Amino acid sequence: MSTRAADFLREWICDHLPPRIDDAALVVTTMAADAVRAAEAQGIARQEIDREIGSVYEATMRTLQDRTSGLPD
């Protein structure tokens, strides 16, 4: 199985995370929907994303958590 969808999504999320996050739930919801639209515009179907990574929301949240876990409080 190709990792095209996972690679695209990982890169897209990292490139589009805002520098400041006041409402994580809103950011995750918005980014997940935008990421799916961007993937579809590149010819990557939602079904391909689901098969390769599962939930776009969970992947977005994990990326956000990974990025913020190293920041000081």
Protein backbone atom coordinates (compact mmCIF):
# COMPACT_ATOMS: atom_id res chain seq x y z
CA MET A 1 0.00 0.00 0.00
CA SER A 2 1.20 3.48 -0.86
CA THR A 3 1.96 6.01 1.83
CA ARG A 4 1.03 8.91 -0.44
CA ALA A 5 -1.94 10.04 1.67
CA ALA A 6 -0.06 9.77 4.96
CA ASP A 7 2.93 11.68 3.58
CA PHE A 8 0.71 14.39 2.12
CA LEU A 9 -1.30 14.77 5.30
CA ARG A 10 1.73 14.88 7.60
CA GLU A 11 3.39 17.56 5.47
CA TRP A 12 0.19 19.57 5.03
CA ILE A 13 -0.55 19.62 8.75
CA CYS A 14 2.99 20.66 9.66
CA ASP A 15 2.94 23.42 7.04
CA HIS A 16 -0.43 24.79 8.18
CA LEU A 17 -0.25 24.69 11.98
CA PRO A 18 -0.77 28.24 13.21
CA PRO A 19 1.99 29.76 15.34
CA ARG A 20 -0.45 30.48 18.16
CA ILE A 21 -3.31 28.23 19.21
CA ASP A 22 -5.98 29.59 21.53
CA ASP A 23 -8.68 27.01 20.83
CA ALA A 24 -7.19 23.60 20.03
CA ALA A 25 -10.54 21.99 19.27
CA LEU A 26 -11.38 24.66 16.70
CA VAL A 27 -7.93 24.45 15.12
CA VAL A 28 -8.09 20.66 14.84
CA THR A 29 -11.61 20.65 13.40
CA THR A 30 -10.84 23.36 10.86
CA MET A 31 -7.47 21.92 9.87
CA ALA A 32 -8.83 18.41 9.45
CA ALA A 33 -11.55 19.61 7.08
CA ASP A 34 -9.10 21.82 5.16
CA ALA A 35 -6.56 19.00 4.92
CA VAL A 36 -9.12 16.62 3.42
CA ARG A 37 -10.13 19.26 0.85
CA ALA A 38 -6.47 19.90 0.00
CA ALA A 39 -5.80 16.18 -0.37
CA GLU A 40 -8.82 15.73 -2.63
CA ALA A 41 -7.59 18.66 -4.76
CA GLN A 42 -4.35 16.69 -5.19
CA GLY A 43 -6.26 13.58 -6.25
CA ILE A 44 -6.06 11.82 -2.89
CA ALA A 45 -9.48 10.46 -1.97
CA ARG A 46 -10.79 10.51 1.59
CA GLN A 47 -10.99 6.70 1.45
CA GLU A 48 -7.25 6.53 0.73
CA ILE A 49 -6.55 8.76 3.73
CA ASP A 50 -8.81 6.68 5.96
CA ARG A 51 -7.09 3.44 4.88
CA GLU A 52 -3.60 4.79 5.45
CA ILE A 53 -3.92 6.88 8.60
CA GLY A 54 -7.40 6.47 10.01
CA SER A 55 -8.92 9.59 11.53
CA VAL A 56 -7.74 12.90 10.10
CA TYR A 57 -8.85 14.55 13.33
CA GLU A 58 -6.70 12.23 15.44
CA ALA A 59 -3.68 12.70 13.16
CA THR A 60 -4.08 16.47 13.37
CA MET A 61 -4.42 16.36 17.16
CA ARG A 62 -1.33 14.12 17.52
CA THR A 63 0.70 16.52 15.37
CA LEU A 64 -0.50 19.47 17.43
CA GLN A 65 0.33 17.67 20.69
CA ASP A 66 3.77 16.67 19.40
CA ARG A 67 4.52 20.25 18.42
CA THR A 68 3.37 21.79 21.67
CA SER A 69 4.74 19.14 24.06
CA GLY A 70 8.22 20.64 23.89
CA LEU A 71 7.13 24.22 24.50
CA PRO A 72 7.49 25.82 27.94
CA ASP A 73 4.29 26.45 29.92
